Amino acid sequence: MIIGAQFYNSSQGRAYLYYGAPNGLSAKAGLMFDGEPESRLGWSIGVGDVDNDGYDDIILSGSGYDSNRGRA
């Protein structure tokens, strides 16, 4: 599971990736992704096999990046 926190650290943004297990999710995030200042990383999150390699990919967006132009 991945959770976005767009207002983390004064709108820098962060996304938390939690790994699954037979008895549920881990209590601690396995990976954290930090955005750039004011980028609001985690505003939108997409998951799917974008490159057709058989594995899901994660796409994180930062809606505030570059004076609100945004970035994925």
PDB file of N, CA and C in Angstrom:
ATOM      1  N   MET A   1       0.847  -1.152   0.000  1.00  0.00           N
ATOM      2  CA  MET A   1       0.000   0.000   0.000  1.00  0.00           C
ATOM      3  C   MET A   1       0.903   1.228   0.000  1.00  0.00           C
ATOM      4  N   ILE A   2       0.463   2.274  -0.684  1.00  0.00           N
ATOM      5  CA  ILE A   2       1.215   3.531  -0.689  1.00  0.00           C
ATOM      6  C   ILE A   2       0.276   4.657  -0.278  1.00  0.00           C
ATOM      7  N   ILE A   3       0.776   5.531   0.581  1.00  0.00           N
ATOM      8  CA  ILE A   3      -0.019   6.641   1.125  1.00  0.00           C
ATOM      9  C   ILE A   3       0.728   7.939   0.872  1.00  0.00           C
ATOM     10  N   GLY A   4       0.036   8.933   0.344  1.00  0.00           N
ATOM     11  CA  GLY A   4       0.625  10.236   0.094  1.00  0.00           C
ATOM     12  C   GLY A   4       0.301  11.218   1.210  1.00  0.00           C
ATOM     13  N   ALA A   5       1.245  12.064   1.528  1.00  0.00           N
ATOM     14  CA  ALA A   5       1.081  13.106   2.545  1.00  0.00           C
ATOM     15  C   ALA A   5       1.575  14.418   1.924  1.00  0.00           C
ATOM     16  N   GLN A   6       0.731  15.045   1.124  1.00  0.00           N
ATOM     17  CA  GLN A   6       1.149  16.203   0.325  1.00  0.00           C
ATOM     18  C   GLN A   6       1.576  17.415   1.133  1.00  0.00           C
ATOM     19  N   PHE A   7       1.133  17.546   2.363  1.00  0.00           N
ATOM     20  CA  PHE A   7       1.491  18.722   3.159  1.00  0.00           C
ATOM     21  C   PHE A   7       2.590  18.431   4.189  1.00  0.00           C
ATOM     22  N   TYR A   8       3.237  17.276   4.080  1.00  0.00           N
ATOM     23  CA  TYR A   8       4.338  16.947   4.977  1.00  0.00           C
ATOM     24  C   TYR A   8       5.436  18.004   4.854  1.00  0.00           C
ATOM     25  N   ASN A   9       5.975  18.441   5.961  1.00  0.00           N
ATOM     26  CA  ASN A   9       7.113  19.371   6.005  1.00  0.00           C
ATOM     27  C   ASN A   9       6.873  20.623   5.155  1.00  0.00           C
ATOM     28  N   SER A  10       5.833  21.366   5.501  1.00  0.00           N
ATOM     29  CA  SER A  10       5.521  22.635   4.820  1.00  0.00           C
ATOM     30  C   SER A  10       5.332  22.463   3.316  1.00  0.00           C
ATOM     31  N   SER A  11       4.544  21.483   2.930  1.00  0.00           N
ATOM     32  CA  SER A  11       4.173  21.222   1.529  1.00  0.00           C
ATOM     33  C   SER A  11       5.289  20.612   0.689  1.00  0.00           C
ATOM     34  N   GLN A  12       6.335  20.111   1.324  1.00  0.00           N
ATOM     35  CA  GLN A  12       7.342  19.351   0.578  1.00  0.00           C
ATOM     36  C   GLN A  12       6.696  18.074   0.058  1.00  0.00           C
ATOM     37  N   GLY A  13       5.960  17.415   0.917  1.00  0.00           N
ATOM     38  CA  GLY A  13       5.278  16.187   0.555  1.00  0.00           C
ATOM     39  C   GLY A  13       6.131  14.954   0.777  1.00  0.00           C
ATOM     40  N   ARG A  14       5.433  13.848   1.017  1.00  0.00           N
ATOM     41  CA  ARG A  14       6.105  12.569   1.234  1.00  0.00           C
ATOM     42  C   ARG A  14       5.119  11.464   0.875  1.00  0.00           C
ATOM     43  N   ALA A  15       5.642  10.348   0.431  1.00  0.00           N
ATOM     44  CA  ALA A  15       4.824   9.159   0.194  1.00  0.00           C
ATOM     45  C   ALA A  15       5.431   8.005   0.978  1.00  0.00           C
ATOM     46  N   TYR A  16       4.568   7.197   1.573  1.00  0.00           N
ATOM     47  CA  TYR A  16       4.981   6.072   2.403  1.00  0.00           C
ATOM     48  C   TYR A  16       4.551   4.776   1.724  1.00  0.00           C
ATOM     49  N   LEU A  17       5.485   3.856   1.522  1.00  0.00           N
ATOM     50  CA  LEU A  17       5.197   2.556   0.933  1.00  0.00           C
ATOM     51  C   LEU A  17       5.246   1.504   2.029  1.00  0.00           C
ATOM     52  N   TYR A  18       4.144   0.780   2.205  1.00  0.00           N
ATOM     53  CA  TYR A  18       4.041  -0.282   3.204  1.00  0.00           C
ATOM     54  C   TYR A  18       3.981  -1.630   2.492  1.00  0.00           C
ATOM     55  N   TYR A  19       4.776  -2.564   2.961  1.00  0.00           N
ATOM     56  CA  TYR A  19       4.782  -3.910   2.399  1.00  0.00           C
ATOM     57  C   TYR A  19       3.723  -4.764   3.084  1.00  0.00           C
ATOM     58  N   GLY A  20       3.108  -5.627   2.327  1.00  0.00           N
ATOM     59  CA  GLY A  20       2.127  -6.547   2.870  1.00  0.00           C
ATOM     60  C   GLY A  20       2.792  -7.796   3.429  1.00  0.00           C
ATOM     61  N   ALA A  21       2.041  -8.509   4.236  1.00  0.00           N
ATOM     62  CA  ALA A  21       2.504  -9.758   4.832  1.00  0.00           C
ATOM     63  C   ALA A  21       1.278 -10.655   5.004  1.00  0.00           C
ATOM     64  N   PRO A  22       1.468 -11.935   5.260  1.00  0.00           N
ATOM     65  CA  PRO A  22       0.321 -12.832   5.421  1.00  0.00           C
ATOM     66  C   PRO A  22      -0.666 -12.377   6.496  1.00  0.00           C
ATOM     67  N   ASN A  23      -0.182 -11.675   7.514  1.00  0.00           N
ATOM     68  CA  ASN A  23      -1.055 -11.236   8.602  1.00  0.00           C
ATOM     69  C   ASN A  23      -1.409  -9.746   8.525  1.00  0.00           C
ATOM     70  N   GLY A  24      -1.200  -9.102   7.385  1.00  0.00           N
ATOM     71  CA  GLY A  24      -1.553  -7.681   7.238  1.00  0.00           C
ATOM     72  C   GLY A  24      -0.383  -6.847   6.762  1.00  0.00           C
ATOM     73  N   LEU A  25      -0.440  -5.568   7.070  1.00  0.00           N
ATOM     74  CA  LEU A  25       0.607  -4.634   6.668  1.00  0.00           C
ATOM     75  C   LEU A  25       1.631  -4.455   7.776  1.00  0.00           C
ATOM     76  N   SER A  26       2.843  -4.147   7.381  1.00  0.00           N
ATOM     77  CA  SER A  26       3.874  -3.804   8.340  1.00  0.00           C
ATOM     78  C   SER A  26       3.480  -2.512   9.055  1.00  0.00           C
ATOM     79  N   ALA A  27       3.819  -2.391  10.319  1.00  0.00           N
ATOM     80  CA  ALA A  27       3.508  -1.174  11.076  1.00  0.00           C
ATOM     81  C   ALA A  27       4.423  -0.017  10.696  1.00  0.00           C
ATOM     82  N   LYS A  28       5.548  -0.310  10.082  1.00  0.00           N
ATOM     83  CA  LYS A  28       6.515   0.711   9.704  1.00  0.00           C
ATOM     84  C   LYS A  28       6.635   0.740   8.182  1.00  0.00           C
ATOM     85  N   ALA A  29       6.719   1.937   7.623  1.00  0.00           N
ATOM     86  CA  ALA A  29       6.867   2.073   6.173  1.00  0.00           C
ATOM     87  C   ALA A  29       8.170   1.433   5.711  1.00  0.00           C
ATOM     88  N   GLY A  30       8.102   0.687   4.602  1.00  0.00           N
ATOM     89  CA  GLY A  30       9.287   0.066   4.041  1.00  0.00           C
ATOM     90  C   GLY A  30      10.158   1.060   3.288  1.00  0.00           C
ATOM     91  N   LEU A  31       9.510   2.023   2.628  1.00  0.00           N
ATOM     92  CA  LEU A  31      10.209   3.077   1.889  1.00  0.00           C
ATOM     93  C   LEU A  31       9.467   4.387   2.059  1.00  0.00           C
ATOM     94  N   MET A  32      10.206   5.481   2.022  1.00  0.00           N
ATOM     95  CA  MET A  32       9.610   6.814   2.039  1.00  0.00           C
ATOM     96  C   MET A  32      10.212   7.617   0.895  1.00  0.00           C
ATOM     97  N   PHE A  33       9.367   8.344   0.201  1.00  0.00           N
ATOM     98  CA  PHE A  33       9.806   9.189  -0.911  1.00  0.00           C
ATOM     99  C   PHE A  33       9.522  10.634  -0.536  1.00  0.00           C
ATOM    100  N   ASP A  34      10.531  11.492  -0.547  1.00  0.00           N
ATOM    101  CA  ASP A  34      10.371  12.902  -0.201  1.00  0.00           C
ATOM    102  C   ASP A  34      10.371  13.764  -1.453  1.00  0.00           C
ATOM    103  N   GLY A  35       9.493  14.768  -1.463  1.00  0.00           N
ATOM    104  CA  GLY A  35       9.440  15.709  -2.567  1.00  0.00           C
ATOM    105  C   GLY A  35      10.421  16.858  -2.369  1.00  0.00           C
ATOM    106  N   GLU A  36      10.465  17.711  -3.351  1.00  0.00           N
ATOM    107  CA  GLU A  36      11.284  18.920  -3.263  1.00  0.00           C
ATOM    108  C   GLU A  36      10.460  19.999  -2.551  1.00  0.00           C
ATOM    109  N   PRO A  37      11.106  21.071  -2.066  1.00  0.00           N
ATOM    110  CA  PRO A  37      10.369  22.119  -1.351  1.00  0.00           C
ATOM    111  C   PRO A  37       9.149  22.616  -2.144  1.00  0.00           C
ATOM    112  N   GLU A  38       8.026  22.701  -1.468  1.00  0.00           N
ATOM    113  CA  GLU A  38       6.754  23.207  -2.014  1.00  0.00           C
ATOM    114  C   GLU A  38       6.182  22.365  -3.158  1.00  0.00           C
ATOM    115  N   SER A  39       6.690  21.157  -3.383  1.00  0.00           N
ATOM    116  CA  SER A  39       6.209  20.356  -4.514  1.00  0.00           C
ATOM    117  C   SER A  39       4.925  19.590  -4.221  1.00  0.00           C
ATOM    118  N   ARG A  40       4.584  19.399  -2.951  1.00  0.00           N
ATOM    119  CA  ARG A  40       3.391  18.655  -2.535  1.00  0.00           C
ATOM    120  C   ARG A  40       3.371  17.233  -3.108  1.00  0.00           C
ATOM    121  N   LEU A  41       4.527  16.555  -3.019  1.00  0.00           N
ATOM    122  CA  LEU A  41       4.606  15.175  -3.477  1.00  0.00           C
ATOM    123  C   LEU A  41       3.561  14.327  -2.752  1.00  0.00           C
ATOM    124  N   GLY A  42       2.922  13.441  -3.473  1.00  0.00           N
ATOM    125  CA  GLY A  42       1.888  12.593  -2.892  1.00  0.00           C
ATOM    126  C   GLY A  42       0.489  13.111  -3.116  1.00  0.00           C
ATOM    127  N   TRP A  43       0.366  14.216  -3.833  1.00  0.00           N
ATOM    128  CA  TRP A  43      -0.952  14.791  -4.128  1.00  0.00           C
ATOM    129  C   TRP A  43      -1.798  13.787  -4.896  1.00  0.00           C
ATOM    130  N   SER A  44      -1.177  13.065  -5.806  1.00  0.00           N
ATOM    131  CA  SER A  44      -1.854  12.023  -6.569  1.00  0.00           C
ATOM    132  C   SER A  44      -0.883  10.855  -6.726  1.00  0.00           C
ATOM    133  N   ILE A  45      -1.427   9.644  -6.669  1.00  0.00           N
ATOM    134  CA  ILE A  45      -0.609   8.438  -6.778  1.00  0.00           C
ATOM    135  C   ILE A  45      -1.273   7.490  -7.769  1.00  0.00           C
ATOM    136  N   GLY A  46      -0.487   6.950  -8.670  1.00  0.00           N
ATOM    137  CA  GLY A  46      -0.986   5.960  -9.616  1.00  0.00           C
ATOM    138  C   GLY A  46      -0.186   4.681  -9.507  1.00  0.00           C
ATOM    139  N   VAL A  47      -0.857   3.565  -9.707  1.00  0.00           N
ATOM    140  CA  VAL A  47      -0.206   2.263  -9.663  1.00  0.00           C
ATOM    141  C   VAL A  47      -0.695   1.449 -10.851  1.00  0.00           C
ATOM    142  N   GLY A  48       0.214   0.813 -11.550  1.00  0.00           N
ATOM    143  CA  GLY A  48      -0.128  -0.047 -12.672  1.00  0.00           C
ATOM    144  C   GLY A  48       1.127  -0.466 -13.405  1.00  0.00           C
ATOM    145  N   ASP A  49       1.005  -1.420 -14.287  1.00  0.00           N
ATOM    146  CA  ASP A  49       2.149  -1.916 -15.040  1.00  0.00           C
ATOM    147  C   ASP A  49       2.361  -1.027 -16.267  1.00  0.00           C
ATOM    148  N   VAL A  50       3.011   0.092 -16.088  1.00  0.00           N
ATOM    149  CA  VAL A  50       3.194   1.098 -17.139  1.00  0.00           C
ATOM    150  C   VAL A  50       4.117   0.597 -18.246  1.00  0.00           C
ATOM    151  N   ASP A  51       5.165  -0.143 -17.892  1.00  0.00           N
ATOM    152  CA  ASP A  51       6.142  -0.571 -18.899  1.00  0.00           C
ATOM    153  C   ASP A  51       5.962  -2.025 -19.360  1.00  0.00           C
ATOM    154  N   ASN A  52       4.836  -2.630 -19.010  1.00  0.00           N
ATOM    155  CA  ASN A  52       4.479  -3.993 -19.446  1.00  0.00           C
ATOM    156  C   ASN A  52       5.536  -5.049 -19.125  1.00  0.00           C
ATOM    157  N   ASP A  53       6.170  -4.937 -17.942  1.00  0.00           N
ATOM    158  CA  ASP A  53       7.153  -5.944 -17.550  1.00  0.00           C
ATOM    159  C   ASP A  53       6.574  -6.979 -16.590  1.00  0.00           C
ATOM    160  N   GLY A  54       5.278  -6.894 -16.306  1.00  0.00           N
ATOM    161  CA  GLY A  54       4.632  -7.837 -15.409  1.00  0.00           C
ATOM    162  C   GLY A  54       4.646  -7.428 -13.950  1.00  0.00           C
ATOM    163  N   TYR A  55       5.226  -6.270 -13.644  1.00  0.00           N
ATOM    164  CA  TYR A  55       5.284  -5.760 -12.275  1.00  0.00           C
ATOM    165  C   TYR A  55       4.621  -4.396 -12.222  1.00  0.00           C
ATOM    166  N   ASP A  56       3.865  -4.154 -11.154  1.00  0.00           N
ATOM    167  CA  ASP A  56       3.240  -2.837 -11.004  1.00  0.00           C
ATOM    168  C   ASP A  56       4.290  -1.761 -10.763  1.00  0.00           C
ATOM    169  N   ASP A  57       4.053  -0.596 -11.328  1.00  0.00           N
ATOM    170  CA  ASP A  57       4.899   0.581 -11.159  1.00  0.00           C
ATOM    171  C   ASP A  57       4.134   1.607 -10.338  1.00  0.00           C
ATOM    172  N   ILE A  58       4.853   2.489  -9.682  1.00  0.00           N
ATOM    173  CA  ILE A  58       4.250   3.555  -8.869  1.00  0.00           C
ATOM    174  C   ILE A  58       4.574   4.894  -9.516  1.00  0.00           C
ATOM    175  N   ILE A  59       3.570   5.729  -9.663  1.00  0.00           N
ATOM    176  CA  ILE A  59       3.773   7.088 -10.172  1.00  0.00           C
ATOM    177  C   ILE A  59       3.291   8.053  -9.100  1.00  0.00           C
ATOM    178  N   LEU A  60       4.177   8.933  -8.658  1.00  0.00           N
ATOM    179  CA  LEU A  60       3.854   9.934  -7.639  1.00  0.00           C
ATOM    180  C   LEU A  60       3.861  11.302  -8.294  1.00  0.00           C
ATOM    181  N   SER A  61       2.885  12.121  -7.965  1.00  0.00           N
ATOM    182  CA  SER A  61       2.888  13.470  -8.526  1.00  0.00           C
ATOM    183  C   SER A  61       3.079  14.501  -7.429  1.00  0.00           C
ATOM    184  N   GLY A  62       3.696  15.592  -7.816  1.00  0.00           N
ATOM    185  CA  GLY A  62       3.852  16.759  -6.957  1.00  0.00           C
ATOM    186  C   GLY A  62       3.193  17.933  -7.655  1.00  0.00           C
ATOM    187  N   SER A  63       1.992  18.268  -7.250  1.00  0.00           N
ATOM    188  CA  SER A  63       1.204  19.294  -7.950  1.00  0.00           C
ATOM    189  C   SER A  63       1.778  20.700  -7.814  1.00  0.00           C
ATOM    190  N   GLY A  64       2.601  20.944  -6.796  1.00  0.00           N
ATOM    191  CA  GLY A  64       3.132  22.288  -6.574  1.00  0.00           C
ATOM    192  C   GLY A  64       4.499  22.529  -7.174  1.00  0.00           C
ATOM    193  N   TYR A  65       5.080  21.508  -7.773  1.00  0.00           N
ATOM    194  CA  TYR A  65       6.430  21.636  -8.321  1.00  0.00           C
ATOM    195  C   TYR A  65       6.492  22.734  -9.380  1.00  0.00           C
ATOM    196  N   ASP A  66       7.558  23.518  -9.376  1.00  0.00           N
ATOM    197  CA  ASP A  66       7.822  24.557 -10.371  1.00  0.00           C
ATOM    198  C   ASP A  66       6.647  25.526 -10.515  1.00  0.00           C
ATOM    199  N   SER A  67       6.334  26.200  -9.422  1.00  0.00           N
ATOM    200  CA  SER A  67       5.245  27.204  -9.395  1.00  0.00           C
ATOM    201  C   SER A  67       3.920  26.619  -9.873  1.00  0.00           C
ATOM    202  N   ASN A  68       3.603  25.421  -9.366  1.00  0.00           N
ATOM    203  CA  ASN A  68       2.350  24.715  -9.627  1.00  0.00           C
ATOM    204  C   ASN A  68       2.215  24.130 -11.033  1.00  0.00           C
ATOM    205  N   ARG A  69       3.311  24.005 -11.762  1.00  0.00           N
ATOM    206  CA  ARG A  69       3.264  23.308 -13.051  1.00  0.00           C
ATOM    207  C   ARG A  69       3.106  21.813 -12.838  1.00  0.00           C
ATOM    208  N   GLY A  70       3.644  21.310 -11.731  1.00  0.00           N
ATOM    209  CA  GLY A  70       3.520  19.903 -11.396  1.00  0.00           C
ATOM    210  C   GLY A  70       4.595  19.042 -12.000  1.00  0.00           C
ATOM    211  N   ARG A  71       4.694  17.825 -11.451  1.00  0.00           N
ATOM    212  CA  ARG A  71       5.695  16.880 -11.922  1.00  0.00           C
ATOM    213  C   ARG A  71       5.316  15.487 -11.446  1.00  0.00           C
ATOM    214  N   ALA A  72       5.610  14.489 -12.251  1.00  0.00           N
ATOM    215  CA  ALA A  72       5.378  13.094 -11.846  1.00  0.00           C
ATOM    216  C   ALA A  72       6.714  12.370 -11.795  1.00  0.00           C
TER     217      ALA A  72
END
